[in-house]
PDB file of N, CA and C in Angstrom:
ATOM      1  N   MET A   1      26.966  62.818-274.254  1.00  0.00           N
ATOM      2  CA  MET A   1      26.352  61.688-273.585  1.00  0.00           C
ATOM      3  C   MET A   1      26.832  61.648-272.138  1.00  0.00           C
ATOM      4  N   GLN A   2      25.880  61.479-271.209  1.00  0.00           N
ATOM      5  CA  GLN A   2      26.230  61.434-269.798  1.00  0.00           C
ATOM      6  C   GLN A   2      26.680  60.039-269.418  1.00  0.00           C
ATOM      7  N   THR A   3      27.627  60.021-268.522  1.00  0.00           N
ATOM      8  CA  THR A   3      28.032  58.727-267.980  1.00  0.00           C
ATOM      9  C   THR A   3      27.204  58.451-266.738  1.00  0.00           C
ATOM     10  N   VAL A   4      27.058  57.207-266.429  1.00  0.00           N
ATOM     11  CA  VAL A   4      26.273  56.809-265.273  1.00  0.00           C
ATOM     12  C   VAL A   4      27.194  56.105-264.294  1.00  0.00           C
ATOM     13  N   GLU A   5      27.139  56.557-263.037  1.00  0.00           N
ATOM     14  CA  GLU A   5      27.931  55.940-261.984  1.00  0.00           C
ATOM     15  C   GLU A   5      27.054  54.959-261.226  1.00  0.00           C
ATOM     16  N   SER A   6      27.686  53.963-260.634  1.00  0.00           N
ATOM     17  CA  SER A   6      26.935  53.016-259.819  1.00  0.00           C
ATOM     18  C   SER A   6      27.270  53.264-258.360  1.00  0.00           C
ATOM     19  N   VAL A   7      26.251  53.595-257.573  1.00  0.00           N
ATOM     20  CA  VAL A   7      26.416  53.825-256.144  1.00  0.00           C
ATOM     21  C   VAL A   7      25.540  52.819-255.421  1.00  0.00           C
ATOM     22  N   ARG A   8      26.163  51.938-254.664  1.00  0.00           N
ATOM     23  CA  ARG A   8      25.451  50.891-253.935  1.00  0.00           C
ATOM     24  C   ARG A   8      24.545  50.083-254.854  1.00  0.00           C
ATOM     25  N   GLY A   9      25.002  49.825-256.050  1.00  0.00           N
ATOM     26  CA  GLY A   9      24.240  49.006-256.968  1.00  0.00           C
ATOM     27  C   GLY A   9      23.122  49.725-257.694  1.00  0.00           C
ATOM     28  N   VAL A  10      22.995  51.056-257.475  1.00  0.00           N
ATOM     29  CA  VAL A  10      21.945  51.829-258.135  1.00  0.00           C
ATOM     30  C   VAL A  10      22.610  52.776-259.121  1.00  0.00           C
ATOM     31  N   ALA A  11      22.157  52.735-260.360  1.00  0.00           N
ATOM     32  CA  ALA A  11      22.716  53.624-261.375  1.00  0.00           C
ATOM     33  C   ALA A  11      22.267  55.055-261.094  1.00  0.00           C
ATOM     34  N   ARG A  12      23.227  55.986-261.093  1.00  0.00           N
ATOM     35  CA  ARG A  12      22.903  57.387-260.843  1.00  0.00           C
ATOM     36  C   ARG A  12      23.577  58.247-261.884  1.00  0.00           C
ATOM     37  N   ALA A  13      22.861  59.255-262.351  1.00  0.00           N
ATOM     38  CA  ALA A  13      23.438  60.231-263.260  1.00  0.00           C
ATOM     39  C   ALA A  13      24.301  61.186-262.433  1.00  0.00           C
ATOM     40  N   PRO A  14      25.435  61.624-262.973  1.00  0.00           N
ATOM     41  CA  PRO A  14      26.297  62.541-262.221  1.00  0.00           C
ATOM     42  C   PRO A  14      25.666  63.924-262.105  1.00  0.00           C
ATOM     43  N   ASN A  15      26.016  64.620-261.030  1.00  0.00           N
ATOM     44  CA  ASN A  15      25.595  66.006-260.784  1.00  0.00           C
ATOM     45  C   ASN A  15      24.079  66.192-260.774  1.00  0.00           C
ATOM     46  N   VAL A  16      23.362  65.251-260.238  1.00  0.00           N
ATOM     47  CA  VAL A  16      21.911  65.377-260.142  1.00  0.00           C
ATOM     48  C   VAL A  16      21.572  65.815-258.726  1.00  0.00           C
ATOM     49  N   SER A  17      20.835  66.906-258.625  1.00  0.00           N
ATOM     50  CA  SER A  17      20.418  67.388-257.309  1.00  0.00           C
ATOM     51  C   SER A  17      19.348  66.477-256.752  1.00  0.00           C
ATOM     52  N   ARG A  18      19.423  66.255-255.467  1.00  0.00           N
ATOM     53  CA  ARG A  18      18.417  65.451-254.787  1.00  0.00           C
ATOM     54  C   ARG A  18      17.564  66.377-253.926  1.00  0.00           C
ATOM     55  N   ILE A  19      16.312  66.053-253.816  1.00  0.00           N
ATOM     56  CA  ILE A  19      15.408  66.833-252.977  1.00  0.00           C
ATOM     57  C   ILE A  19      15.518  66.318-251.543  1.00  0.00           C
ATOM     58  N   PRO A  20      15.845  67.191-250.588  1.00  0.00           N
ATOM     59  CA  PRO A  20      15.848  66.755-249.185  1.00  0.00           C
ATOM     60  C   PRO A  20      14.405  66.571-248.702  1.00  0.00           C
ATOM     61  N   ILE A  21      14.053  65.357-248.318  1.00  0.00           N
ATOM     62  CA  ILE A  21      12.677  64.999-247.994  1.00  0.00           C
ATOM     63  C   ILE A  21      12.167  65.784-246.775  1.00  0.00           C
ATOM     64  N   VAL A  22      12.994  65.947-245.763  1.00  0.00           N
ATOM     65  CA  VAL A  22      12.552  66.649-244.551  1.00  0.00           C
ATOM     66  C   VAL A  22      12.240  68.117-244.870  1.00  0.00           C
ATOM     67  N   ALA A  23      13.092  68.773-245.623  1.00  0.00           N
ATOM     68  CA  ALA A  23      12.841  70.167-245.994  1.00  0.00           C
ATOM     69  C   ALA A  23      11.586  70.269-246.860  1.00  0.00           C
ATOM     70  N   LEU A  24      11.406  69.327-247.766  1.00  0.00           N
ATOM     71  CA  LEU A  24      10.211  69.314-248.600  1.00  0.00           C
ATOM     72  C   LEU A  24       8.961  69.101-247.746  1.00  0.00           C
ATOM     73  N   GLY A  25       9.037  68.192-246.786  1.00  0.00           N
ATOM     74  CA  GLY A  25       7.897  67.927-245.910  1.00  0.00           C
ATOM     75  C   GLY A  25       7.497  69.138-245.097  1.00  0.00           C
ATOM     76  N   TRP A  26       8.476  69.789-244.493  1.00  0.00           N
ATOM     77  CA  TRP A  26       8.167  70.976-243.692  1.00  0.00           C
ATOM     78  C   TRP A  26       7.615  72.100-244.556  1.00  0.00           C
ATOM     79  N   SER A  27       8.230  72.330-245.718  1.00  0.00           N
ATOM     80  CA  SER A  27       7.774  73.446-246.553  1.00  0.00           C
ATOM     81  C   SER A  27       6.370  73.197-247.104  1.00  0.00           C
ATOM     82  N   LEU A  28       6.088  71.994-247.580  1.00  0.00           N
ATOM     83  CA  LEU A  28       4.744  71.697-248.083  1.00  0.00           C
ATOM     84  C   LEU A  28       3.708  71.734-246.965  1.00  0.00           C
ATOM     85  N   SER A  29       4.045  71.189-245.813  1.00  0.00           N
ATOM     86  CA  SER A  29       3.101  71.163-244.705  1.00  0.00           C
ATOM     87  C   SER A  29       2.770  72.566-244.222  1.00  0.00           C
ATOM     88  N   LEU A  30       3.765  73.398-244.071  1.00  0.00           N
ATOM     89  CA  LEU A  30       3.510  74.772-243.632  1.00  0.00           C
ATOM     90  C   LEU A  30       2.776  75.572-244.697  1.00  0.00           C
ATOM     91  N   PHE A  31       3.099  75.328-245.971  1.00  0.00           N
ATOM     92  CA  PHE A  31       2.387  75.994-247.056  1.00  0.00           C
ATOM     93  C   PHE A  31       0.900  75.636-247.026  1.00  0.00           C
ATOM     94  N   LEU A  32       0.589  74.356-246.898  1.00  0.00           N
ATOM     95  CA  LEU A  32      -0.818  73.940-246.876  1.00  0.00           C
ATOM     96  C   LEU A  32      -1.532  74.421-245.619  1.00  0.00           C
ATOM     97  N   ALA A  33      -0.853  74.405-244.478  1.00  0.00           N
ATOM     98  CA  ALA A  33      -1.468  74.888-243.241  1.00  0.00           C
ATOM     99  C   ALA A  33      -1.745  76.394-243.319  1.00  0.00           C
ATOM    100  N   LEU A  34      -0.794  77.165-243.827  1.00  0.00           N
ATOM    101  CA  LEU A  34      -1.016  78.611-243.976  1.00  0.00           C
ATOM    102  C   LEU A  34      -2.115  78.896-245.002  1.00  0.00           C
ATOM    103  N   SER A  35      -2.159  78.125-246.070  1.00  0.00           N
ATOM    104  CA  SER A  35      -3.214  78.297-247.065  1.00  0.00           C
ATOM    105  C   SER A  35      -4.580  78.001-246.452  1.00  0.00           C
ATOM    106  N   PHE A  36      -4.647  76.983-245.614  1.00  0.00           N
ATOM    107  CA  PHE A  36      -5.894  76.650-244.933  1.00  0.00           C
ATOM    108  C   PHE A  36      -6.342  77.813-244.047  1.00  0.00           C
ATOM    109  N   VAL A  37      -5.424  78.360-243.271  1.00  0.00           N
ATOM    110  CA  VAL A  37      -5.759  79.486-242.380  1.00  0.00           C
ATOM    111  C   VAL A  37      -6.235  80.688-243.192  1.00  0.00           C
ATOM    112  N   LEU A  38      -5.541  81.004-244.280  1.00  0.00           N
ATOM    113  CA  LEU A  38      -5.945  82.138-245.111  1.00  0.00           C
ATOM    114  C   LEU A  38      -7.323  81.913-245.734  1.00  0.00           C
ATOM    115  N   CYS A  39      -7.598  80.692-246.173  1.00  0.00           N
ATOM    116  CA  CYS A  39      -8.912  80.396-246.752  1.00  0.00           C
ATOM    117  C   CYS A  39     -10.019  80.495-245.703  1.00  0.00           C
ATOM    118  N   VAL A  40      -9.741  80.043-244.486  1.00  0.00           N
ATOM    119  CA  VAL A  40     -10.734  80.169-243.414  1.00  0.00           C
ATOM    120  C   VAL A  40     -10.981  81.642-243.115  1.00  0.00           C
ATOM    121  N   LEU A  41      -9.924  82.437-243.034  1.00  0.00           N
ATOM    122  CA  LEU A  41     -10.084  83.873-242.795  1.00  0.00           C
ATOM    123  C   LEU A  41     -10.887  84.538-243.907  1.00  0.00           C
ATOM    124  N   LEU A  42     -10.594  84.170-245.147  1.00  0.00           N
ATOM    125  CA  LEU A  42     -11.343  84.732-246.261  1.00  0.00           C
ATOM    126  C   LEU A  42     -12.799  84.292-246.199  1.00  0.00           C
ATOM    127  N   GLY A  43     -13.036  83.061-245.790  1.00  0.00           N
ATOM    128  CA  GLY A  43     -14.402  82.580-245.633  1.00  0.00           C
ATOM    129  C   GLY A  43     -15.165  83.316-244.552  1.00  0.00           C
ATOM    130  N   LEU A  44     -14.466  83.770-243.521  1.00  0.00           N
ATOM    131  CA  LEU A  44     -15.106  84.562-242.474  1.00  0.00           C
ATOM    132  C   LEU A  44     -15.400  85.985-242.936  1.00  0.00           C
ATOM    133  N   VAL A  45     -14.529  86.526-243.781  1.00  0.00           N
ATOM    134  CA  VAL A  45     -14.703  87.888-244.287  1.00  0.00           C
ATOM    135  C   VAL A  45     -15.812  87.931-245.343  1.00  0.00           C
ATOM    136  N   VAL A  46     -15.861  86.913-246.192  1.00  0.00           N
ATOM    137  CA  VAL A  46     -16.836  86.866-247.282  1.00  0.00           C
ATOM    138  C   VAL A  46     -17.642  85.565-247.172  1.00  0.00           C
ATOM    139  N   PRO A  47     -18.578  85.483-246.242  1.00  0.00           N
ATOM    140  CA  PRO A  47     -19.286  84.225-246.014  1.00  0.00           C
ATOM    141  C   PRO A  47     -20.217  83.818-247.154  1.00  0.00           C
ATOM    142  N   ASP A  48     -20.628  84.747-247.996  1.00  0.00           N
ATOM    143  CA  ASP A  48     -21.538  84.420-249.093  1.00  0.00           C
ATOM    144  C   ASP A  48     -20.889  83.563-250.183  1.00  0.00           C
ATOM    145  N   PHE A  49     -19.567  83.520-250.241  1.00  0.00           N
ATOM    146  CA  PHE A  49     -18.874  82.726-251.253  1.00  0.00           C
ATOM    147  C   PHE A  49     -18.861  81.234-250.914  1.00  0.00           C
ATOM    148  N   GLU A  50     -19.213  80.892-249.687  1.00  0.00           N
ATOM    149  CA  GLU A  50     -19.230  79.500-249.214  1.00  0.00           C
ATOM    150  C   GLU A  50     -17.908  78.773-249.511  1.00  0.00           C
ATOM    151  N   LEU A  51     -16.813  79.410-249.123  1.00  0.00           N
ATOM    152  CA  LEU A  51     -15.491  78.848-249.369  1.00  0.00           C
ATOM    153  C   LEU A  51     -15.208  77.604-248.537  1.00  0.00           C
ATOM    154  N   HIS A  52     -16.046  77.324-247.569  1.00  0.00           N
ATOM    155  CA  HIS A  52     -15.816  76.153-246.727  1.00  0.00           C
ATOM    156  C   HIS A  52     -16.239  74.857-247.404  1.00  0.00           C
ATOM    157  N   GLN A  53     -17.005  74.917-248.460  1.00  0.00           N
ATOM    158  CA  GLN A  53     -17.498  73.696-249.108  1.00  0.00           C
ATOM    159  C   GLN A  53     -16.379  72.763-249.576  1.00  0.00           C
ATOM    160  N   PRO A  54     -15.319  73.251-250.228  1.00  0.00           N
ATOM    161  CA  PRO A  54     -14.247  72.327-250.620  1.00  0.00           C
ATOM    162  C   PRO A  54     -13.563  71.644-249.430  1.00  0.00           C
ATOM    163  N   TRP A  55     -13.462  72.354-248.298  1.00  0.00           N
ATOM    164  CA  TRP A  55     -12.802  71.753-247.139  1.00  0.00           C
ATOM    165  C   TRP A  55     -13.585  70.546-246.639  1.00  0.00           C
ATOM    166  N   LEU A  56     -14.896  70.571-246.795  1.00  0.00           N
ATOM    167  CA  LEU A  56     -15.727  69.471-246.303  1.00  0.00           C
ATOM    168  C   LEU A  56     -15.414  68.161-247.019  1.00  0.00           C
ATOM    169  N   GLN A  57     -15.037  68.224-248.283  1.00  0.00           N
ATOM    170  CA  GLN A  57     -14.738  66.998-249.004  1.00  0.00           C
ATOM    171  C   GLN A  57     -13.292  66.538-248.860  1.00  0.00           C
ATOM    172  N   PHE A  58     -12.383  67.453-248.556  1.00  0.00           N
ATOM    173  CA  PHE A  58     -10.974  67.080-248.440  1.00  0.00           C
ATOM    174  C   PHE A  58     -10.551  66.717-247.024  1.00  0.00           C
ATOM    175  N   PHE A  59     -11.256  67.231-246.031  1.00  0.00           N
ATOM    176  CA  PHE A  59     -10.882  67.011-244.638  1.00  0.00           C
ATOM    177  C   PHE A  59     -11.973  66.250-243.904  1.00  0.00           C
ATOM    178  N   PRO A  60     -11.771  64.957-243.672  1.00  0.00           N
ATOM    179  CA  PRO A  60     -12.775  64.181-242.933  1.00  0.00           C
ATOM    180  C   PRO A  60     -12.970  64.754-241.529  1.00  0.00           C
ATOM    181  N   GLY A  61     -14.224  64.936-241.143  1.00  0.00           N
ATOM    182  CA  GLY A  61     -14.540  65.437-239.811  1.00  0.00           C
ATOM    183  C   GLY A  61     -14.600  66.946-239.697  1.00  0.00           C
ATOM    184  N   PHE A  62     -14.254  67.665-240.763  1.00  0.00           N
ATOM    185  CA  PHE A  62     -14.254  69.131-240.729  1.00  0.00           C
ATOM    186  C   PHE A  62     -15.678  69.646-240.888  1.00  0.00           C
ATOM    187  N   THR A  63     -16.047  70.574-240.024  1.00  0.00           N
ATOM    188  CA  THR A  63     -17.322  71.289-240.145  1.00  0.00           C
ATOM    189  C   THR A  63     -17.029  72.779-240.047  1.00  0.00           C
ATOM    190  N   TRP A  64     -17.924  73.591-240.514  1.00  0.00           N
ATOM    191  CA  TRP A  64     -17.725  75.046-240.490  1.00  0.00           C
ATOM    192  C   TRP A  64     -18.453  75.620-239.317  1.00  0.00           C
ATOM    193  N   LEU A  65     -17.925  76.363-238.486  1.00  0.00           N
ATOM    194  CA  LEU A  65     -16.548  76.529-238.070  1.00  0.00           C
ATOM    195  C   LEU A  65     -16.556  76.521-236.553  1.00  0.00           C
ATOM    196  N   THR A  66     -15.892  75.563-235.999  1.00  0.00           N
ATOM    197  CA  THR A  66     -15.686  75.485-234.552  1.00  0.00           C
ATOM    198  C   THR A  66     -14.190  75.397-234.309  1.00  0.00           C
ATOM    199  N   TRP A  67     -13.773  75.687-233.089  1.00  0.00           N
ATOM    200  CA  TRP A  67     -12.335  75.597-232.781  1.00  0.00           C
ATOM    201  C   TRP A  67     -11.796  74.177-232.972  1.00  0.00           C
ATOM    202  N   PRO A  68     -12.486  73.149-232.481  1.00  0.00           N
ATOM    203  CA  PRO A  68     -11.960  71.790-232.724  1.00  0.00           C
ATOM    204  C   PRO A  68     -11.890  71.452-234.213  1.00  0.00           C
ATOM    205  N   SER A  69     -12.878  71.899-234.975  1.00  0.00           N
ATOM    206  CA  SER A  69     -12.874  71.636-236.409  1.00  0.00           C
ATOM    207  C   SER A  69     -11.742  72.401-237.104  1.00  0.00           C
ATOM    208  N   PHE A  70     -11.510  73.641-236.682  1.00  0.00           N
ATOM    209  CA  PHE A  70     -10.412  74.424-237.243  1.00  0.00           C
ATOM    210  C   PHE A  70      -9.077  73.738-236.969  1.00  0.00           C
ATOM    211  N   LEU A  71      -8.882  73.283-235.734  1.00  0.00           N
ATOM    212  CA  LEU A  71      -7.627  72.592-235.402  1.00  0.00           C
ATOM    213  C   LEU A  71      -7.486  71.287-236.174  1.00  0.00           C
ATOM    214  N   LEU A  72      -8.594  70.571-236.356  1.00  0.00           N
ATOM    215  CA  LEU A  72      -8.560  69.345-237.150  1.00  0.00           C
ATOM    216  C   LEU A  72      -8.154  69.645-238.589  1.00  0.00           C
ATOM    217  N   GLY A  73      -8.723  70.689-239.187  1.00  0.00           N
ATOM    218  CA  GLY A  73      -8.357  71.077-240.547  1.00  0.00           C
ATOM    219  C   GLY A  73      -6.898  71.483-240.651  1.00  0.00           C
ATOM    220  N   LEU A  74      -6.402  72.167-239.633  1.00  0.00           N
ATOM    221  CA  LEU A  74      -4.997  72.578-239.604  1.00  0.00           C
ATOM    222  C   LEU A  74      -4.083  71.357-239.533  1.00  0.00           C
ATOM    223  N   ILE A  75      -4.421  70.407-238.686  1.00  0.00           N
ATOM    224  CA  ILE A  75      -3.628  69.175-238.552  1.00  0.00           C
ATOM    225  C   ILE A  75      -3.678  68.368-239.841  1.00  0.00           C
ATOM    226  N   GLU A  76      -4.862  68.253-240.432  1.00  0.00           N
ATOM    227  CA  GLU A  76      -4.979  67.484-241.672  1.00  0.00           C
ATOM    228  C   GLU A  76      -4.226  68.162-242.822  1.00  0.00           C
ATOM    229  N   SER A  77      -4.247  69.487-242.877  1.00  0.00           N
ATOM    230  CA  SER A  77      -3.470  70.210-243.894  1.00  0.00           C
ATOM    231  C   SER A  77      -1.991  69.898-243.749  1.00  0.00           C
ATOM    232  N   PHE A  78      -1.520  69.963-242.512  1.00  0.00           N
ATOM    233  CA  PHE A  78      -0.117  69.680-242.226  1.00  0.00           C
ATOM    234  C   PHE A  78       0.232  68.239-242.611  1.00  0.00           C
ATOM    235  N   ALA A  79      -0.656  67.307-242.295  1.00  0.00           N
ATOM    236  CA  ALA A  79      -0.415  65.893-242.609  1.00  0.00           C
ATOM    237  C   ALA A  79      -0.394  65.649-244.116  1.00  0.00           C
ATOM    238  N   TYR A  80      -1.269  66.322-244.850  1.00  0.00           N
ATOM    239  CA  TYR A  80      -1.268  66.168-246.309  1.00  0.00           C
ATOM    240  C   TYR A  80       0.056  66.639-246.907  1.00  0.00           C
ATOM    241  N   GLY A  81       0.647  67.686-246.351  1.00  0.00           N
ATOM    242  CA  GLY A  81       1.945  68.149-246.833  1.00  0.00           C
ATOM    243  C   GLY A  81       3.013  67.085-246.672  1.00  0.00           C
ATOM    244  N   TRP A  82       3.026  66.427-245.511  1.00  0.00           N
ATOM    245  CA  TRP A  82       4.005  65.361-245.291  1.00  0.00           C
ATOM    246  C   TRP A  82       3.724  64.156-246.174  1.00  0.00           C
ATOM    247  N   TYR A  83       2.460  63.864-246.397  1.00  0.00           N
ATOM    248  CA  TYR A  83       2.100  62.756-247.277  1.00  0.00           C
ATOM    249  C   TYR A  83       2.663  62.986-248.683  1.00  0.00           C
ATOM    250  N   VAL A  84       2.448  64.186-249.216  1.00  0.00           N
ATOM    251  CA  VAL A  84       2.950  64.499-250.551  1.00  0.00           C
ATOM    252  C   VAL A  84       4.476  64.441-250.578  1.00  0.00           C
ATOM    253  N   ALA A  85       5.119  64.976-249.553  1.00  0.00           N
ATOM    254  CA  ALA A  85       6.586  64.981-249.510  1.00  0.00           C
ATOM    255  C   ALA A  85       7.150  63.565-249.435  1.00  0.00           C
ATOM    256  N   LEU A  86       6.534  62.718-248.616  1.00  0.00           N
ATOM    257  CA  LEU A  86       7.048  61.353-248.440  1.00  0.00           C
ATOM    258  C   LEU A  86       6.815  60.470-249.663  1.00  0.00           C
ATOM    259  N   ILE A  87       5.871  60.834-250.502  1.00  0.00           N
ATOM    260  CA  ILE A  87       5.633  60.072-251.725  1.00  0.00           C
ATOM    261  C   ILE A  87       6.393  60.682-252.905  1.00  0.00           C
ATOM    262  N   SER A  88       6.245  61.974-253.118  1.00  0.00           N
ATOM    263  CA  SER A  88       6.825  62.587-254.309  1.00  0.00           C
ATOM    264  C   SER A  88       8.337  62.808-254.207  1.00  0.00           C
ATOM    265  N   GLY A  89       8.844  63.115-253.023  1.00  0.00           N
ATOM    266  CA  GLY A  89      10.280  63.355-252.872  1.00  0.00           C
ATOM    267  C   GLY A  89      11.136  62.152-253.243  1.00  0.00           C
ATOM    268  N   PRO A  90      10.894  60.986-252.639  1.00  0.00           N
ATOM    269  CA  PRO A  90      11.680  59.815-253.017  1.00  0.00           C
ATOM    270  C   PRO A  90      11.483  59.404-254.479  1.00  0.00           C
ATOM    271  N   LEU A  91      10.272  59.569-254.999  1.00  0.00           N
ATOM    272  CA  LEU A  91      10.061  59.247-256.411  1.00  0.00           C
ATOM    273  C   LEU A  91      10.888  60.163-257.305  1.00  0.00           C
ATOM    274  N   PHE A  92      10.889  61.456-256.990  1.00  0.00           N
ATOM    275  CA  PHE A  92      11.707  62.382-257.769  1.00  0.00           C
ATOM    276  C   PHE A  92      13.180  62.010-257.682  1.00  0.00           C
ATOM    277  N   ASN A  93      13.661  61.762-256.470  1.00  0.00           N
ATOM    278  CA  ASN A  93      15.069  61.412-256.300  1.00  0.00           C
ATOM    279  C   ASN A  93      15.423  60.136-257.048  1.00  0.00           C
ATOM    280  N   PHE A  94      14.534  59.179-257.059  1.00  0.00           N
ATOM    281  CA  PHE A  94      14.781  57.917-257.764  1.00  0.00           C
ATOM    282  C   PHE A  94      14.902  58.152-259.257  1.00  0.00           C
ATOM    283  N   PHE A  95      13.925  58.841-259.842  1.00  0.00           N
ATOM    284  CA  PHE A  95      13.926  59.017-261.282  1.00  0.00           C
ATOM    285  C   PHE A  95      14.976  60.022-261.752  1.00  0.00           C
ATOM    286  N   ALA A  96      15.213  61.072-260.974  1.00  0.00           N
ATOM    287  CA  ALA A  96      16.251  62.045-261.340  1.00  0.00           C
ATOM    288  C   ALA A  96      17.628  61.405-261.235  1.00  0.00           C
ATOM    289  N   GLY A  97      17.796  60.535-260.255  1.00  0.00           N
ATOM    290  CA  GLY A  97      19.083  59.860-260.078  1.00  0.00           C
ATOM    291  C   GLY A  97      19.409  58.898-261.201  1.00  0.00           C
ATOM    292  N   ARG A  98      18.420  58.393-261.849  1.00  0.00           N
ATOM    293  CA  ARG A  98      18.619  57.493-262.983  1.00  0.00           C
ATOM    294  C   ARG A  98      18.822  58.233-264.284  1.00  0.00           C
ATOM    295  N   GLY A  99      18.616  59.556-264.270  1.00  0.00           N
ATOM    296  CA  GLY A  99      18.831  60.355-265.467  1.00  0.00           C
ATOM    297  C   GLY A  99      17.681  60.276-266.450  1.00  0.00           C
ATOM    298  N   TRP A 100      16.497  59.927-265.966  1.00  0.00           N
ATOM    299  CA  TRP A 100      15.344  59.824-266.867  1.00  0.00           C
ATOM    300  C   TRP A 100      14.749  61.158-267.117  1.00  0.00           C
TER     301      TRP A 100
END
């Protein structure tokens, strides 16, 4: 049975790793931005697959394919990575810290 320590009034399980939010944000954002670039490149190589269709529903303002639209998709990909990190990282740390 694990013991639970109290740190600043919050119960925490001992030896629980915490996810660093900044590292998670950067890694997810760069992963999504690189994935976006690779998908755009693949869409240019194989235009008959219409790979741009999913981007139209996930990225407001994105059209196929202009430089401003490409940059907008890149920025939105990066922002989605930070959004996921800022929501999921603290939730993970909260629940892992409680030993659930």
